[in-house]
Amino acid sequence: MLDIKYDSYDIEEKREVVKRTLFQESANIKSENFGKISEKDLYLLFELYDEVFLCGWFKQKFRGNIKFKLSRQLTRSAGNTRTRKDISAIKPEEVEFEVKISLNHLMNFNKAKRIKYVGGIEAASVLDSLMLVFEHELCHVIEFLVRHKSSCNKKPFMDLINNIFGHTEHTHKLVGAGEANVSEYGLKPGDSVKFRYGNSIMEGFIQKMNKKATVMCPDKHGNYIDKSGRRYVKFCVHPESFIKEG
């Protein structure tokens, strides 16, 4: 696909070059665990990866357009790449990509005290997680351009990302919104909670945790019925709104 293959030493060395240059040129990213990022940083990363890892492949070959976005809507996936379904039938200059990087996964990185991985590689910092996810999405773009389709759990993609970036898996094990809330607020599915709703104090249990908690409150007129016939009303509540006991 791309006639590029680096060994592990070269990959680590090139990542360090990208990091050092990013620290110098970014207005936001000045440390491994940065607290601020903008979409300009994603465009800068793209230019650095093209120069350092891809020998200017995009600069020489790509005639289309890529939009990089930071997304708060991505809660389960750390990144996402989209393009037109008819990419094989359109002119090279008409090809467009939208690459989204989950802001949630970046900002939640340090909210859980465990080892995090992207693509089978340990991410030791927020910047590591950003770069590894970016590498994954970049390989989607490359595969779309070369093969007009892309699937990260298929051999062509895995060969590509392993040869260039050393990834050995197609999944990530970062900190999602649910895990971050569990860690930050000490809450988990099944816990009983109270919160204010208008002039009332509601009581229920957490059904699931994401950016907000889904809370089921007993109500004889509720639309949700469990296996025992009990009825509930469902609420989506931010963990900060729960009433603390004691």
Protein backbone atom coordinates (compact mmCIF):
# COMPACT_ATOMS: atom_id res chain seq x y z
CA MET A 1 0.00 0.00 0.00
CA LEU A 2 2.70 2.41 1.09
CA ASP A 3 6.21 1.11 0.69
CA ILE A 4 7.21 2.26 4.19
CA LYS A 5 8.27 0.04 7.06
CA TYR A 6 10.00 1.19 10.22
CA ASP A 7 11.44 -0.80 13.09
CA SER A 8 10.47 -0.01 16.69
CA TYR A 9 13.56 2.15 17.26
CA ASP A 10 12.82 4.33 14.22
CA ILE A 11 9.18 4.70 15.24
CA GLU A 12 10.03 5.90 18.74
CA GLU A 13 12.66 8.26 17.40
CA LYS A 14 10.24 9.76 14.90
CA ARG A 15 7.53 10.18 17.53
CA GLU A 16 10.01 12.13 19.64
CA VAL A 17 10.74 14.40 16.66
CA VAL A 18 7.00 15.03 16.25
CA LYS A 19 6.65 15.79 19.96
CA ARG A 20 9.59 18.20 20.11
CA THR A 21 8.39 20.10 17.05
CA LEU A 22 4.83 20.19 18.37
CA PHE A 23 6.04 21.71 21.65
CA GLN A 24 7.89 24.38 19.67
CA GLU A 25 5.15 25.26 17.19
CA SER A 26 1.86 24.69 19.02
CA ALA A 27 0.32 27.57 20.93
CA ASN A 28 -1.37 25.11 23.30
CA ILE A 29 0.57 21.86 23.62
CA LYS A 30 3.65 22.56 25.71
CA SER A 31 3.79 19.41 27.85
CA GLU A 32 2.94 15.71 27.77
CA ASN A 33 -0.20 16.22 29.85
CA PHE A 34 -1.50 19.41 28.26
CA GLY A 35 -4.83 20.86 29.38
CA LYS A 36 -5.70 22.84 26.27
CA ILE A 37 -5.86 21.96 22.57
CA SER A 38 -7.37 23.47 19.42
CA GLU A 39 -8.15 22.15 15.97
CA LYS A 40 -5.11 24.05 14.68
CA ASP A 41 -3.01 21.55 16.63
CA LEU A 42 -4.57 18.68 14.67
CA TYR A 43 -3.63 20.33 11.37
CA LEU A 44 -0.12 20.85 12.70
CA LEU A 45 0.07 17.19 13.72
CA PHE A 46 -1.00 16.19 10.23
CA GLU A 47 1.78 18.22 8.65
CA LEU A 48 4.36 16.80 11.07
CA TYR A 49 3.31 13.20 10.53
CA ASP A 50 3.36 13.66 6.77
CA GLU A 51 6.86 15.10 6.92
CA VAL A 52 8.41 12.88 9.60
CA PHE A 53 6.75 9.51 9.00
CA LEU A 54 5.31 9.60 5.48
CA CYS A 55 8.11 11.35 3.55
CA GLY A 56 5.67 13.99 2.29
CA TRP A 57 3.30 11.42 0.76
CA PHE A 58 0.21 13.58 1.33
CA LYS A 59 1.94 16.74 0.16
CA GLN A 60 2.98 15.03 -3.07
CA LYS A 61 -0.05 12.81 -3.77
CA PHE A 62 -3.15 14.20 -2.07
CA ARG A 63 -5.27 16.70 -4.00
CA GLY A 64 -8.39 16.64 -1.84
CA ASN A 65 -9.27 18.16 1.51
CA ILE A 66 -9.17 16.95 5.13
CA LYS A 67 -11.11 18.61 7.93
CA PHE A 68 -9.85 17.89 11.43
CA LYS A 69 -12.25 18.35 14.33
CA LEU A 70 -12.22 17.96 18.10
CA SER A 71 -15.45 16.27 19.12
CA ARG A 72 -17.35 16.23 22.40
CA GLN A 73 -19.93 13.91 20.85
CA LEU A 74 -17.50 10.99 20.53
CA THR A 75 -17.88 9.20 23.85
CA ARG A 76 -17.24 5.56 22.99
CA SER A 77 -14.76 5.94 20.13
CA ALA A 78 -11.54 7.92 20.52
CA GLY A 79 -11.50 8.87 16.85
CA ASN A 80 -13.56 8.68 13.67
CA THR A 81 -12.85 9.12 9.96
CA ARG A 82 -15.50 9.66 7.28
CA THR A 83 -15.48 10.19 3.55
CA ARG A 84 -17.89 9.85 0.62
CA LYS A 85 -19.08 6.36 -0.28
CA ASP A 86 -18.36 7.02 -3.96
CA ILE A 87 -14.73 7.93 -3.33
CA SER A 88 -13.60 5.58 -6.12
CA ALA A 89 -15.76 7.40 -8.70
CA ILE A 90 -14.90 11.05 -8.01
CA LYS A 91 -11.97 13.19 -9.05
CA PRO A 92 -8.97 13.31 -6.69
CA GLU A 93 -9.53 17.00 -6.00
CA GLU A 94 -13.14 16.28 -4.96
CA VAL A 95 -12.16 13.81 -2.24
CA GLU A 96 -12.95 15.05 1.26
CA PHE A 97 -12.34 13.56 4.69
CA GLU A 98 -13.62 14.49 8.11
CA VAL A 99 -11.38 13.26 10.91
CA LYS A 100 -12.70 13.63 14.45
CA ILE A 101 -10.66 13.22 17.62
CA SER A 102 -12.57 12.70 20.86
CA LEU A 103 -11.94 15.58 23.24
CA ASN A 104 -13.58 13.52 25.98
CA HIS A 105 -10.95 10.78 25.84
CA LEU A 106 -8.13 13.32 25.95
CA MET A 107 -9.52 15.29 28.89
CA ASN A 108 -10.48 12.12 30.79
CA PHE A 109 -7.06 10.51 30.38
CA ASN A 110 -5.83 11.13 33.93
CA LYS A 111 -9.18 10.55 35.65
CA ALA A 112 -8.55 6.81 36.00
CA LYS A 113 -5.39 5.46 37.62
CA ARG A 114 -4.63 2.54 35.33
CA ILE A 115 -2.51 1.77 32.30
CA LYS A 116 -4.04 2.98 29.03
CA TYR A 117 -3.44 1.52 25.57
CA VAL A 118 -4.06 2.51 21.97
CA GLY A 119 -3.39 -0.02 19.24
CA GLY A 120 -1.61 -2.32 21.67
CA ILE A 121 0.83 0.45 22.66
CA GLU A 122 0.90 1.93 26.15
CA ALA A 123 -0.08 5.59 26.26
CA ALA A 124 1.80 7.18 29.16
CA SER A 125 0.37 10.69 28.74
CA VAL A 126 -2.41 12.74 27.17
CA LEU A 127 -0.10 13.54 24.26
CA ASP A 128 0.70 9.86 23.74
CA SER A 129 -3.01 9.06 23.52
CA LEU A 130 -3.59 11.91 21.05
CA MET A 131 -0.72 10.83 18.81
CA LEU A 132 -1.62 7.14 18.83
CA VAL A 133 -5.28 7.82 18.03
CA PHE A 134 -4.20 10.28 15.34
CA GLU A 135 -1.97 7.60 13.80
CA HIS A 136 -4.93 5.22 13.66
CA GLU A 137 -7.17 7.75 11.92
CA LEU A 138 -4.39 8.75 9.53
CA CYS A 139 -4.10 5.13 8.40
CA HIS A 140 -7.84 5.10 7.70
CA VAL A 141 -7.36 8.10 5.41
CA ILE A 142 -4.45 6.42 3.62
CA GLU A 143 -6.37 3.17 3.15
CA PHE A 144 -9.42 5.02 1.81
CA LEU A 145 -7.22 6.80 -0.71
CA VAL A 146 -5.42 3.67 -1.85
CA ARG A 147 -8.12 0.98 -1.58
CA HIS A 148 -11.28 3.17 -1.58
CA LYS A 149 -12.43 1.37 1.56
CA SER A 150 -11.10 0.94 5.06
CA SER A 151 -11.64 -1.50 7.91
CA CYS A 152 -9.36 -1.43 10.92
CA ASN A 153 -9.96 -5.06 11.85
CA LYS A 154 -8.87 -6.36 8.44
CA LYS A 155 -5.34 -7.42 7.45
CA PRO A 156 -4.54 -4.61 4.95
CA PHE A 157 -5.17 -1.95 7.58
CA MET A 158 -3.28 -3.82 10.29
CA ASP A 159 -0.30 -4.37 7.96
CA LEU A 160 -0.28 -0.66 7.14
CA ILE A 161 -0.47 0.62 10.70
CA ASN A 162 2.02 -1.95 11.97
CA ASN A 163 4.57 -1.15 9.27
CA ILE A 164 4.41 2.61 9.79
CA PHE A 165 3.51 3.07 13.45
CA GLY A 166 4.01 -0.31 15.12
CA HIS A 167 0.40 -0.75 16.25
CA THR A 168 -0.47 -4.39 16.95
CA GLU A 169 -4.20 -3.98 17.71
CA HIS A 170 -7.05 -1.96 16.22
CA THR A 171 -8.76 -1.10 19.52
CA HIS A 172 -8.08 1.42 22.27
CA LYS A 173 -8.31 1.14 26.06
CA LEU A 174 -8.58 4.77 27.10
CA VAL A 175 -10.85 6.41 29.67
CA GLY A 176 -14.41 6.97 28.49
CA ALA A 177 -16.89 9.35 30.08
CA GLY A 178 -18.54 6.60 32.11
CA GLU A 179 -15.30 5.36 33.66
CA ALA A 180 -14.19 8.95 34.31
CA ASN A 181 -17.40 9.70 36.21
CA VAL A 182 -17.14 6.47 38.19
CA SER A 183 -13.59 7.41 39.18
CA GLU A 184 -14.25 11.12 39.82
CA TYR A 185 -17.56 10.86 41.68
CA GLY A 186 -17.27 7.40 43.21
CA LEU A 187 -20.48 6.26 41.52
CA LYS A 188 -21.26 3.16 39.52
CA PRO A 189 -24.29 1.47 37.91
CA GLY A 190 -26.61 0.10 40.59
CA ASP A 191 -25.88 2.83 43.15
CA SER A 192 -28.83 4.61 44.76
CA VAL A 193 -28.89 8.39 44.24
CA LYS A 194 -30.99 11.48 44.96
CA PHE A 195 -31.31 14.66 42.92
CA ARG A 196 -33.56 17.71 42.67
CA TYR A 197 -36.14 17.89 39.89
CA GLY A 198 -38.12 21.11 40.04
CA ASN A 199 -39.41 21.38 43.59
CA SER A 200 -39.10 17.66 44.27
CA ILE A 201 -36.27 15.41 45.41
CA MET A 202 -36.13 12.29 43.24
CA GLU A 203 -34.72 8.95 44.35
CA GLY A 204 -33.61 6.12 42.10
CA PHE A 205 -30.71 3.99 40.97
CA ILE A 206 -28.05 4.48 38.32
CA GLN A 207 -28.73 2.26 35.31
CA LYS A 208 -25.62 3.29 33.38
CA MET A 209 -22.88 5.91 33.41
CA ASN A 210 -21.65 7.97 30.47
CA LYS A 211 -21.17 11.74 30.29
CA LYS A 212 -24.38 11.77 32.31
CA ALA A 213 -25.91 9.10 34.49
CA THR A 214 -29.11 7.35 33.43
CA VAL A 215 -31.23 7.17 36.60
CA MET A 216 -34.35 5.04 36.96
CA CYS A 217 -36.82 6.41 39.54
CA PRO A 218 -39.76 4.30 40.78
CA ASP A 219 -43.10 5.69 39.60
CA LYS A 220 -46.39 3.78 39.34
CA HIS A 221 -47.19 5.71 36.16
CA GLY A 222 -43.72 5.28 34.61
CA ASN A 223 -43.22 4.15 31.01
CA TYR A 224 -40.38 1.74 31.85
CA ILE A 225 -41.24 -1.66 33.36
CA ASP A 226 -38.76 -4.19 34.74
CA LYS A 227 -39.15 -7.98 34.78
CA SER A 228 -40.93 -7.83 38.13
CA GLY A 229 -43.52 -5.40 36.82
CA ARG A 230 -42.17 -2.36 38.68
CA ARG A 231 -42.53 0.91 36.79
CA TYR A 232 -39.91 3.66 36.47
CA VAL A 233 -39.34 7.10 35.02
CA LYS A 234 -35.94 7.64 33.38
CA PHE A 235 -33.81 10.73 33.93
CA CYS A 236 -30.43 11.79 32.52
CA VAL A 237 -28.54 13.50 35.33
CA HIS A 238 -25.07 15.01 35.50
CA PRO A 239 -23.19 13.49 38.46
CA GLU A 240 -22.61 16.97 39.92
CA SER A 241 -26.36 17.26 40.47
CA PHE A 242 -26.60 14.33 42.87
CA ILE A 243 -27.32 15.19 46.49
CA LYS A 244 -24.48 14.11 48.74
CA GLU A 245 -25.43 12.23 51.87
CA GLY A 246 -23.97 12.87 55.31
